[in-house]
Protein backbone atom coordinates (compact mmCIF):
# COMPACT_ATOMS: atom_id res chain seq x y z
CA MET A 1 -3.88 -0.14 -15.02
CA ARG A 2 -7.06 1.84 -15.65
CA SER A 3 -8.60 1.37 -19.09
CA PRO A 4 -9.00 4.68 -20.96
CA LEU A 5 -11.89 3.19 -22.93
CA VAL A 6 -13.85 2.33 -19.79
CA ALA A 7 -13.34 5.79 -18.30
CA VAL A 8 -14.31 7.51 -21.55
CA THR A 9 -17.41 5.37 -21.96
CA VAL A 10 -18.60 6.27 -18.46
CA LEU A 11 -17.81 9.93 -19.11
CA LEU A 12 -19.70 10.04 -22.39
CA MET A 13 -22.75 8.49 -20.78
CA ALA A 14 -22.73 11.10 -18.00
CA LEU A 15 -21.59 14.14 -19.93
CA SER A 16 -24.21 16.54 -21.25
CA GLY A 17 -23.52 18.88 -24.17
CA GLU A 18 -23.67 21.78 -21.75
CA PHE A 19 -20.75 20.58 -19.67
CA ALA A 20 -18.43 23.54 -19.16
CA MET A 21 -17.22 23.87 -22.74
CA ALA A 22 -15.35 26.90 -21.51
CA GLN A 23 -14.87 28.15 -18.00
CA ALA A 24 -13.75 31.26 -16.15
CA THR A 25 -10.79 33.13 -17.57
CA THR A 26 -8.77 32.27 -14.43
CA PRO A 27 -8.94 28.47 -14.17
CA PHE A 28 -6.49 28.23 -11.26
CA GLN A 29 -8.18 30.37 -8.60
CA ALA A 30 -11.54 30.22 -6.85
CA PRO A 31 -13.48 33.42 -6.07
CA SER A 32 -13.69 32.58 -2.35
CA TRP A 33 -12.59 30.00 0.20
CA SER A 34 -14.75 26.89 0.51
CA THR A 35 -12.52 25.54 3.30
CA ASP A 36 -12.36 26.90 6.84
CA ALA A 37 -8.94 27.78 8.24
CA ASN A 38 -7.50 25.15 10.57
CA ALA A 39 -4.65 25.01 13.08
CA ILE A 40 -2.00 25.03 10.34
CA ASP A 41 -3.05 28.30 8.78
CA ALA A 42 -2.33 30.78 11.58
CA PRO A 43 1.42 30.07 11.90
CA ALA A 44 1.80 29.74 8.12
CA LEU A 45 0.05 33.07 7.55
CA ALA A 46 2.16 34.69 10.27
CA LEU A 47 5.30 33.59 8.42
CA LEU A 48 4.03 35.16 5.21
CA ARG A 49 3.19 38.43 6.95
CA GLU A 50 6.55 38.49 8.72
CA HIS A 51 8.26 38.60 5.34
CA GLY A 52 5.76 40.91 3.68
CA ALA A 53 4.37 38.23 1.38
CA GLU A 54 0.83 38.27 0.08
CA ALA A 55 -1.77 36.14 1.81
CA PRO A 56 -2.76 33.01 -0.13
CA VAL A 57 -5.80 32.90 -2.36
CA PRO A 58 -7.87 29.73 -2.86
CA CYS A 59 -7.20 27.33 -5.70
CA SER A 60 -10.03 26.28 -7.98
CA ASP A 61 -11.85 22.97 -7.61
CA ALA A 62 -10.16 21.67 -10.76
CA VAL A 63 -6.70 22.49 -9.42
CA PHE A 64 -7.47 20.91 -6.05
CA LEU A 65 -8.84 17.76 -7.66
CA ARG A 66 -5.71 17.23 -9.74
CA ARG A 67 -3.38 18.26 -6.91
CA ALA A 68 -4.95 15.84 -4.42
CA HIS A 69 -4.88 12.97 -6.90
CA VAL A 70 -1.23 13.49 -7.81
CA ASP A 71 -0.08 14.10 -4.22
CA LEU A 72 -1.96 11.21 -2.61
CA ILE A 73 -2.18 8.49 -5.25
CA GLY A 74 0.31 9.53 -7.94
CA THR A 75 -2.48 9.30 -10.51
CA LEU A 76 -4.32 11.83 -12.68
CA PRO A 77 -8.10 12.04 -12.21
CA THR A 78 -10.16 10.50 -14.97
CA PRO A 79 -12.57 12.66 -17.02
CA THR A 80 -15.43 11.01 -15.13
CA GLU A 81 -13.90 12.06 -11.80
CA VAL A 82 -13.35 15.61 -13.08
CA ASN A 83 -16.95 15.85 -14.22
CA ALA A 84 -18.36 14.50 -10.94
CA PHE A 85 -16.20 16.72 -8.73
CA LEU A 86 -16.80 19.95 -10.62
CA ARG A 87 -20.55 19.35 -10.58
CA ASP A 88 -20.66 18.46 -6.88
CA ALA A 89 -22.15 21.35 -4.85
CA ASP A 90 -21.37 19.85 -1.42
CA PRO A 91 -19.16 22.34 0.49
CA ASP A 92 -17.35 19.39 2.14
CA LYS A 93 -16.44 17.72 -1.14
CA ARG A 94 -12.72 18.47 -0.79
CA ALA A 95 -12.51 16.80 2.61
CA ARG A 96 -14.50 13.84 1.30
CA LEU A 97 -12.14 13.51 -1.66
CA ILE A 98 -9.08 13.42 0.61
CA ASP A 99 -10.59 10.62 2.69
CA ALA A 100 -11.66 8.66 -0.39
CA LEU A 101 -8.25 8.87 -2.06
CA MET A 102 -6.48 7.53 1.02
CA GLU A 103 -8.62 4.38 0.84
CA ARG A 104 -7.70 3.57 -2.76
CA ASP A 105 -5.21 0.89 -3.77
CA GLU A 106 -3.12 3.51 -5.55
CA PHE A 107 -2.50 5.23 -2.20
CA ALA A 108 -0.76 2.10 -0.92
CA ASP A 109 1.15 1.74 -4.21
CA TYR A 110 2.33 5.34 -4.31
CA TRP A 111 3.34 5.67 -0.67
CA ALA A 112 5.07 2.29 -0.73
CA LEU A 113 7.06 3.75 -3.62
CA LYS A 114 7.98 6.82 -1.56
CA TRP A 115 8.99 4.75 1.46
CA CYS A 116 10.99 2.33 -0.66
CA ASP A 117 12.97 5.28 -2.03
CA LEU A 118 13.99 6.14 1.53
CA LEU A 119 14.59 2.51 2.51
CA ARG A 120 16.78 1.84 -0.56
CA VAL A 121 14.72 -1.10 -1.84
CA LYS A 122 16.83 -2.32 -4.72
CA SER A 123 18.06 -5.75 -5.81
CA GLU A 124 21.29 -4.83 -7.59
CA PHE A 125 24.55 -2.99 -6.93
CA PRO A 126 25.40 -1.25 -4.66
CA ILE A 127 22.54 -2.34 -2.37
CA ASN A 128 22.24 -5.97 -3.52
CA LEU A 129 19.07 -7.04 -1.72
CA TRP A 130 18.31 -9.54 -4.53
CA PRO A 131 14.86 -9.97 -6.11
CA ASN A 132 13.28 -12.38 -3.60
CA ALA A 133 14.11 -10.08 -0.69
CA VAL A 134 12.99 -7.01 -2.62
CA GLN A 135 9.57 -8.49 -3.29
CA ALA A 136 9.10 -9.54 0.34
CA TYR A 137 10.29 -6.18 1.64
CA HIS A 138 8.13 -4.14 -0.74
CA ARG A 139 5.08 -6.25 0.07
CA TRP A 140 5.60 -5.67 3.80
CA VAL A 141 5.98 -1.90 3.28
CA ARG A 142 2.91 -1.72 1.05
CA ASP A 143 0.81 -3.73 3.51
CA ALA A 144 1.90 -1.38 6.30
CA VAL A 145 0.79 1.64 4.26
CA ARG A 146 -2.47 -0.02 3.24
CA ASP A 147 -3.27 -1.00 6.82
CA ASN A 148 -2.23 2.42 8.17
CA VAL A 149 0.22 0.90 10.65
CA PRO A 150 1.23 3.66 13.11
CA LEU A 151 4.57 5.16 12.19
CA ASP A 152 6.17 4.33 15.55
CA GLU A 153 5.22 0.66 15.14
CA PHE A 154 6.53 0.75 11.56
CA ALA A 155 9.85 2.20 12.72
CA ARG A 156 10.21 -0.18 15.67
CA ALA A 157 9.63 -3.21 13.44
CA LEU A 158 12.43 -2.10 11.12
CA LEU A 159 14.87 -1.08 13.84
CA THR A 160 14.60 -4.23 15.97
CA SER A 161 14.23 -6.91 13.29
CA SER A 162 16.24 -10.12 13.15
CA GLY A 163 15.94 -13.21 10.97
CA SER A 164 16.00 -14.30 7.33
CA ASN A 165 15.90 -11.68 4.59
CA PHE A 166 13.33 -13.83 2.77
CA ARG A 167 11.11 -14.69 5.75
CA VAL A 168 11.39 -11.57 7.91
CA PRO A 169 11.15 -8.74 5.36
CA MET A 170 12.01 -5.98 7.86
CA VAL A 171 15.61 -7.21 8.29
CA ASN A 172 16.29 -5.91 4.82
CA PHE A 173 16.47 -2.46 6.38
CA TYR A 174 19.94 -3.39 7.67
CA ARG A 175 20.91 -5.20 4.48
CA ALA A 176 19.95 -2.21 2.28
CA VAL A 177 23.02 -0.29 3.37
CA GLN A 178 26.16 -0.04 1.25
CA GLY A 179 28.41 -0.91 4.21
CA ARG A 180 27.96 -3.39 7.05
CA GLU A 181 30.05 -1.57 9.66
CA PRO A 182 28.25 -0.12 12.73
CA ALA A 183 28.95 3.41 11.49
CA ASP A 184 27.22 2.64 8.17
CA LEU A 185 24.16 1.19 9.90
CA ALA A 186 23.99 4.13 12.31
CA ALA A 187 24.12 6.59 9.41
CA ALA A 188 21.18 4.84 7.71
CA VAL A 189 19.17 4.84 10.94
CA ALA A 190 19.86 8.53 11.58
CA LEU A 191 18.94 9.53 8.03
CA THR A 192 15.74 7.49 7.84
CA PHE A 193 14.27 7.91 11.32
CA MET A 194 15.85 11.13 12.58
CA GLY A 195 16.14 13.10 9.34
CA THR A 196 19.78 13.94 9.98
CA ARG A 197 23.05 13.29 8.18
CA LEU A 198 25.53 11.68 10.51
CA ASP A 199 28.54 13.19 8.74
CA THR A 200 27.52 16.59 10.17
CA TRP A 201 27.84 15.32 13.76
CA PRO A 202 30.99 15.51 15.91
CA GLN A 203 33.03 12.32 15.72
CA ALA A 204 32.41 11.42 19.36
CA GLN A 205 28.62 11.48 18.87
CA ARG A 206 28.91 9.44 15.68
CA ASP A 207 30.89 6.80 17.51
CA GLN A 208 28.34 6.70 20.34
CA LEU A 209 25.46 6.08 17.93
CA ALA A 210 27.47 3.50 15.98
CA ALA A 211 28.12 1.56 19.20
CA ILE A 212 24.38 0.88 19.53
CA PHE A 213 24.51 -1.09 16.26
CA SER A 214 27.85 -2.78 16.90
CA ARG A 215 26.21 -6.13 17.64
CA VAL A 216 24.22 -6.39 14.41
CA ALA A 217 25.70 -9.31 12.47
CA PHE A 218 25.06 -11.10 9.18
CA LYS A 219 25.49 -14.69 8.03
CA GLY A 220 24.55 -16.72 4.97
CA THR A 221 22.67 -20.00 4.72
CA ARG A 222 22.58 -22.87 2.27
CA GLU A 223 19.66 -21.29 0.47
CA TRP A 224 20.78 -19.17 -2.49
CA LYS A 225 21.16 -15.50 -1.49
CA GLU A 226 19.46 -16.00 1.87
CA GLU A 227 21.06 -14.03 4.69
CA ILE A 228 20.32 -13.94 8.39
CA VAL A 229 20.47 -10.71 10.37
CA TYR A 230 21.07 -11.50 14.04
CA LEU A 231 22.35 -10.14 17.33
CA ALA A 232 25.96 -11.22 17.81
CA PRO A 233 26.81 -12.76 21.22
CA ALA A 234 28.58 -10.44 23.64
CA ALA A 235 30.99 -11.06 26.51
CA GLU A 236 30.10 -8.02 28.57
CA PRO A 237 27.33 -5.43 28.99
CA LEU A 238 27.29 -2.49 26.59
CA ASP A 239 27.39 1.11 27.82
CA VAL A 240 25.57 3.26 25.24
CA VAL A 241 25.04 7.01 24.95
CA PHE A 242 21.99 8.25 23.07
CA PRO A 243 22.09 11.40 20.90
CA ASP A 244 20.57 13.55 23.68
CA GLY A 245 23.39 12.54 26.06
CA SER A 246 21.37 10.08 28.16
CA ARG A 247 23.01 6.74 28.92
CA ALA A 248 21.94 3.13 29.29
CA ILE A 249 23.61 -0.15 30.21
CA ILE A 250 22.59 -2.97 27.88
CA ALA A 251 22.70 -6.24 29.79
CA LEU A 252 24.08 -9.43 28.31
CA GLY A 253 21.49 -10.99 26.04
CA ASP A 254 19.57 -7.74 25.58
CA ASP A 255 19.34 -6.03 22.19
CA PRO A 256 20.80 -2.49 22.10
CA ARG A 257 18.45 -1.74 19.20
CA GLU A 258 15.46 -2.26 21.49
CA ALA A 259 16.87 0.32 23.88
CA PHE A 260 17.47 2.72 21.01
CA ALA A 261 13.92 2.25 19.72
CA ASP A 262 12.56 2.87 23.23
CA TRP A 263 14.60 6.10 23.39
CA LEU A 264 13.72 7.28 19.87
CA LEU A 265 9.98 6.61 20.15
CA ALA A 266 9.52 7.79 23.74
CA ASP A 267 7.03 10.56 24.49
CA GLY A 268 8.77 13.91 24.44
CA ASN A 269 11.63 12.84 22.17
CA GLU A 270 11.46 15.21 19.23
CA TRP A 271 13.87 13.44 16.90
CA PHE A 272 11.35 10.99 15.45
CA THR A 273 8.24 13.19 15.35
CA ARG A 274 10.16 16.19 13.99
CA ASN A 275 11.56 14.08 11.18
CA LEU A 276 8.20 12.60 10.16
CA ALA A 277 6.22 15.83 10.52
CA ASN A 278 8.78 17.70 8.45
CA ARG A 279 8.89 14.99 5.78
CA ALA A 280 5.09 14.93 5.51
CA TRP A 281 5.08 18.68 4.95
CA TYR A 282 7.82 18.35 2.34
CA TRP A 283 6.00 15.55 0.54
CA LEU A 284 2.77 17.53 0.24
CA LEU A 285 3.95 21.15 -0.06
CA GLY A 286 7.26 20.60 -1.83
CA GLN A 287 9.43 22.44 0.70
CA GLY A 288 10.33 21.28 4.19
CA ILE A 289 9.79 23.53 7.20
CA ILE A 290 13.37 22.42 7.76
CA HIS A 291 14.96 22.16 4.34
CA GLU A 292 16.45 19.90 3.08
CA PRO A 293 14.02 17.56 4.86
CA ASP A 294 16.74 15.07 5.76
CA ASP A 295 19.29 17.64 6.93
CA ILE A 296 18.10 18.44 10.45
CA ARG A 297 20.89 20.03 12.51
CA PRO A 298 21.24 22.91 14.97
CA ASP A 299 22.48 25.38 12.34
CA ASN A 300 19.58 24.60 9.96
CA PRO A 301 16.59 25.82 11.99
CA PRO A 302 12.93 25.51 10.93
CA ALA A 303 11.50 28.41 8.94
CA CYS A 304 8.39 28.31 11.13
CA PRO A 305 9.07 26.59 14.49
CA GLU A 306 5.47 27.03 15.68
CA LEU A 307 4.13 25.19 12.64
CA LEU A 308 6.56 22.29 13.01
CA THR A 309 5.81 21.95 16.73
CA MET A 310 2.09 21.92 16.04
CA LEU A 311 2.48 19.17 13.42
CA GLN A 312 4.59 17.10 15.82
CA ASP A 313 1.96 17.45 18.53
CA GLU A 314 -0.78 16.40 16.11
CA LEU A 315 1.25 13.39 15.00
CA VAL A 316 1.62 12.21 18.60
CA ALA A 317 -2.02 12.95 19.45
CA SER A 318 -3.18 10.87 16.47
CA GLY A 319 -1.14 7.85 17.57
CA HIS A 320 1.50 8.43 14.87
CA ASP A 321 -1.12 8.18 12.13
CA LEU A 322 0.33 9.39 8.82
CA ARG A 323 -3.09 9.61 7.18
CA ALA A 324 -4.33 11.83 9.98
CA LEU A 325 -1.36 14.13 9.43
CA PHE A 326 -1.99 14.21 5.68
CA ARG A 327 -5.66 14.91 6.34
CA LEU A 328 -4.81 17.87 8.60
CA ILE A 329 -2.36 19.36 6.11
CA MET A 330 -4.53 18.90 3.03
CA ASN A 331 -7.64 20.34 4.68
CA SER A 332 -5.77 23.57 5.43
CA ARG A 333 -5.99 26.75 3.42
CA THR A 334 -2.21 26.68 3.22
CA TYR A 335 -2.35 23.49 1.17
CA GLN A 336 -5.42 24.56 -0.80
CA GLN A 337 -4.00 27.89 -1.95
CA ALA A 338 -3.53 28.74 -5.61
CA SER A 339 0.05 28.50 -6.82
CA ASP A 340 1.81 30.68 -9.37
CA LEU A 341 2.84 28.67 -12.42
CA GLU A 342 5.16 31.44 -13.54
CA ALA A 343 7.11 32.11 -10.33
CA GLN A 344 8.40 30.20 -7.35
CA PRO A 345 7.96 31.62 -3.83
CA ALA A 346 10.86 33.33 -2.09
CA ALA A 347 13.00 30.98 -0.01
CA GLU A 348 11.98 32.67 3.25
CA VAL A 349 8.31 31.75 2.80
CA ALA A 350 8.56 28.73 0.49
CA CYS A 351 7.39 26.29 3.14
CA ALA A 352 4.13 28.27 3.52
CA ARG A 353 3.37 28.07 -0.21
CA TYR A 354 2.39 25.16 -2.43
CA THR A 355 5.59 24.75 -4.42
CA ILE A 356 5.53 24.07 -8.15
CA ARG A 357 7.50 20.93 -9.03
CA ARG A 358 7.55 18.48 -11.88
CA LEU A 359 5.62 15.23 -11.70
CA ASP A 360 7.60 12.28 -10.42
CA ALA A 361 9.04 10.15 -13.22
CA GLU A 362 6.79 7.20 -12.32
CA VAL A 363 3.67 9.37 -12.19
CA LEU A 364 4.49 10.94 -15.54
CA ALA A 365 5.12 7.53 -17.11
CA ASP A 366 1.69 6.32 -15.96
CA ALA A 367 0.00 9.55 -17.07
CA LEU A 368 1.41 9.24 -20.58
CA THR A 369 0.31 5.61 -20.75
CA TRP A 370 -3.18 6.66 -19.66
CA LEU A 371 -3.35 9.35 -22.35
CA GLY A 372 -1.57 7.52 -25.15
CA ALA A 373 -0.50 4.13 -26.34
CA PRO A 374 1.60 2.07 -23.90
CA GLY A 375 5.25 3.02 -23.94
CA GLU A 376 6.86 1.42 -20.90
CA SER A 377 7.58 -2.22 -20.16
CA TYR A 378 9.75 -3.48 -17.33
CA SER A 379 11.76 -6.62 -16.68
CA SER A 380 15.08 -7.57 -15.15
CA PRO A 381 16.99 -10.52 -16.62
CA ILE A 382 19.78 -10.05 -14.04
CA PRO A 383 20.33 -10.84 -11.30
CA GLU A 384 18.60 -14.20 -11.16
CA PRO A 385 15.76 -14.97 -10.83
CA PHE A 386 14.33 -13.28 -13.89
CA THR A 387 11.80 -10.63 -12.88
CA PHE A 388 8.85 -10.07 -15.21
CA ILE A 389 6.46 -7.17 -14.70
CA PRO A 390 2.98 -7.61 -16.24
CA PRO A 391 2.28 -4.87 -18.80
CA GLU A 392 -0.89 -3.82 -16.97
CA GLN A 393 1.01 -3.03 -13.73
CA ARG A 394 1.35 0.64 -12.93
CA THR A 395 4.84 2.16 -12.78
CA ILE A 396 4.10 3.52 -9.31
CA ALA A 397 3.72 -0.11 -8.17
CA LEU A 398 7.25 -1.16 -9.17
CA ALA A 399 8.92 -2.81 -6.18
CA ASP A 400 12.54 -2.87 -7.29
CA GLY A 401 14.64 0.24 -7.79
CA SER A 402 16.87 -1.76 -10.15
CA ILE A 403 14.02 -2.36 -12.60
CA THR A 404 13.93 0.80 -14.63
CA SER A 405 13.77 2.22 -18.15
CA ALA A 406 15.41 4.93 -20.23
CA PHE A 407 12.33 7.11 -19.63
CA LEU A 408 12.48 6.78 -15.82
CA GLU A 409 16.20 7.51 -15.78
CA MET A 410 15.75 10.51 -18.09
CA PHE A 411 13.07 11.97 -15.81
CA GLY A 412 15.03 11.63 -12.59
CA ARG A 413 13.85 8.48 -10.86
CA PRO A 414 16.12 7.96 -7.81
CA ALA A 415 18.75 5.25 -7.94
CA ARG A 416 17.91 4.26 -4.32
CA ASP A 417 21.57 4.13 -3.39
CA THR A 418 21.57 6.56 -0.44
CA GLY A 419 18.03 7.12 0.90
CA LEU A 420 18.39 10.88 0.46
CA GLU A 421 15.32 12.77 -0.78
CA SER A 422 17.61 14.64 -3.18
CA GLU A 423 18.30 11.42 -5.13
CA ARG A 424 15.03 12.09 -6.95
CA ASN A 425 15.77 14.78 -9.53
CA ASN A 426 12.69 16.57 -10.83
CA GLU A 427 14.60 19.35 -12.56
CA PRO A 428 13.81 19.73 -16.29
CA THR A 429 16.51 18.94 -18.84
CA ASP A 430 16.99 19.48 -22.56
CA ALA A 431 16.73 15.74 -23.16
CA GLN A 432 13.32 15.67 -21.47
CA ARG A 433 12.08 18.61 -23.55
CA LEU A 434 13.24 17.05 -26.80
CA TYR A 435 11.64 13.71 -25.92
CA LEU A 436 8.29 15.29 -25.12
CA LEU A 437 8.30 17.76 -28.00
CA ASN A 438 9.40 15.79 -31.01
CA SER A 439 10.49 12.22 -30.30
CA ALA A 440 9.24 9.45 -32.54
CA GLU A 441 8.20 7.58 -29.39
CA MET A 442 5.86 10.39 -28.32
CA GLY A 443 4.46 10.56 -31.84
CA ARG A 444 3.73 6.84 -31.77
CA ARG A 445 2.11 7.00 -28.34
CA ILE A 446 -0.15 9.94 -29.13
CA GLY A 447 -0.99 8.71 -32.63
CA GLY A 448 -1.94 5.30 -31.21
CA SER A 449 -4.05 6.60 -28.32
CA ASN A 450 -7.34 4.76 -27.85
CA LEU A 451 -8.43 7.54 -25.50
CA LEU A 452 -8.04 10.32 -28.06
CA GLN A 453 -9.62 8.23 -30.80
CA SER A 454 -12.63 7.60 -28.54
CA LEU A 455 -13.05 11.33 -28.01
CA VAL A 456 -12.93 11.99 -31.75
CA THR A 457 -15.54 9.31 -32.39
CA TYR A 458 -17.86 10.64 -29.70
CA ALA A 459 -17.63 14.29 -30.77
CA LYS A 460 -18.94 13.48 -34.27
CA GLY A 461 -17.23 16.46 -35.82
CA ASN A 462 -18.20 18.97 -33.09
CA THR A 463 -14.83 20.58 -32.46
CA GLY A 464 -16.15 22.58 -29.50
CA THR A 465 -17.08 19.39 -27.68
CA LEU A 466 -13.84 17.75 -28.74
CA THR A 467 -11.75 20.65 -27.43
CA ALA A 468 -13.47 20.48 -24.04
CA LEU A 469 -12.96 16.73 -23.79
CA VAL A 470 -9.27 16.91 -24.66
CA TYR A 471 -8.68 19.61 -22.04
CA ILE A 472 -10.54 17.60 -19.41
CA ALA A 473 -8.56 14.45 -20.22
CA VAL A 474 -5.11 16.08 -20.30
CA LEU A 475 -5.36 19.03 -17.87
CA SER A 476 -8.27 17.85 -15.71
CA ARG A 477 -10.26 21.01 -16.46
CA PRO A 478 -12.33 22.56 -19.25
CA PRO A 479 -10.68 25.19 -21.46
CA THR A 480 -11.02 28.93 -20.91
CA PRO A 481 -12.92 30.87 -23.60
CA GLU A 482 -9.61 32.08 -25.04
CA GLU A 483 -8.18 28.57 -25.12
CA ALA A 484 -11.33 27.22 -26.74
CA MET A 485 -11.14 29.92 -29.41
CA VAL A 486 -7.48 29.15 -30.22
CA ALA A 487 -8.27 25.44 -30.51
CA GLN A 488 -11.22 26.16 -32.80
CA GLN A 489 -9.00 28.23 -35.05
CA TYR A 490 -6.53 25.35 -35.27
CA TYR A 491 -9.25 22.84 -36.06
CA ALA A 492 -10.35 25.14 -38.89
CA THR A 493 -6.89 25.04 -40.46
CA GLY A 494 -7.15 23.66 -43.97
CA GLY A 495 -5.68 20.28 -44.77
CA LEU A 496 -5.79 18.89 -41.20
CA LYS A 497 -7.80 15.76 -40.47
CA LEU A 498 -9.85 15.84 -37.28
CA ASP A 499 -7.90 13.09 -35.57
CA GLN A 500 -4.56 14.67 -36.48
CA ALA A 501 -5.64 18.07 -35.15
CA THR A 502 -6.81 16.37 -31.94
CA ASP A 503 -3.48 14.59 -31.58
CA ASP A 504 -1.70 17.93 -32.07
CA LEU A 505 -3.86 19.61 -29.43
CA ALA A 506 -3.25 16.84 -26.90
CA TRP A 507 0.49 16.83 -27.68
CA ALA A 508 0.68 20.58 -27.17
CA LEU A 509 -1.14 20.34 -23.82
CA ILE A 510 1.14 17.51 -22.66
CA ASN A 511 4.08 19.87 -23.18
CA THR A 512 2.62 22.63 -21.02
CA LYS A 513 3.90 23.35 -17.55
CA GLU A 514 0.35 22.86 -16.31
CA PHE A 515 0.44 19.18 -17.32
CA LEU A 516 4.03 18.38 -16.44
CA TYR A 517 4.05 20.00 -13.00
CA ARG A 518 2.26 19.74 -9.68
CA HIS A 519 0.60 23.08 -9.15
């Protein structure tokens, strides 16, 4: 967990009194593009024009800095990072930031979290992986993200795994399914690696896919909660039919899952690349080119087929490198456009816009801990063994979907029961609003904030400086002249102590859509 005091100390050493006390009246837009158009932008712009939508305008550096941090590492930028980025005159600074963020530990933490949502990494009911297997599985996923393992290798390792759930972490892919029948396993495979819901398929095709996983078997051992995933012996070859209608004969002793992986990951097979390209777009832009992102079917066509095809081609050309795909998307003007905090784009062009959506529950929990006093602690007394999470560990680094809190549940953390993207609910609720606006817990956290107290101490009564610092800490940007004036008027209110007025300002900013949402 980053120390607010360390970040503030570095900031105060670097920050001059002239640092952007107030900025342009439009803090969300830049006057001109600093990024050249790339291959993504032509098809995206064509979609906008086809529906008569306005062409995108560039987002400001402050918006891009916050957006890139939240999207790539699930973490707000520190005041020091805001100061350095806004002062940097290098025209390539956005591209450099993208590359730097993907090398940080938080990138591995955050994208392991996202993958574990899809892979249903959870120790308790109804998945029942148990804590030892969860920790091994999460560690393997995080290492794969950290090491940038190609996505086809990642998928093959999961699909073809056999062995102990404690010693071969990948076999937990098959254990993290509510049912053990071939149809249940096939549905999980189709959802995760093909982005399709098997219940929308004709029964004959469902049965054909299920047959491929009919020889996956499970058995226990003498070690508590250990389970072996293995290939059951067969008496005769297996005739399988793949989803595109092609057939294969699986000889005795051969693994049908190997044949399926060969089919799925073969050059020219769109199922895998279409799924991953579409998910990557959904993760970064908030709306799939095919939406929902895990509901690919003939009667749910892509909004922009040319764009999806181009992303698939780039994914293959890069060797199934997810970071390369992220890099391409984030360096586009389509990603770097300014969003409208007051209105969502029309459905027809939503995939070509950066969609406003609330911060993930885990990201918001960490952000509030960064800004205020600690509020979240995690442990799991059941099932055995007891799981203790050190207080300094970030929420985005939680391995187990069963280890949660009232805050995470209130803000829509997925239960990890199905692997559907829609399990994560980022829609606002009345309970969330009441918690953030007037709960005793929020009052305690803001009133006990070392970060805010450090800003008050540094400002030495200069409310102009203090206003700028609070805005930079909470919203990752300096205030506009109008915002600075309103804050000054509040500081001048009789009877308010400086630290109380600062707490009020920070609390008000935390409740803005600008803080609570990706934008």
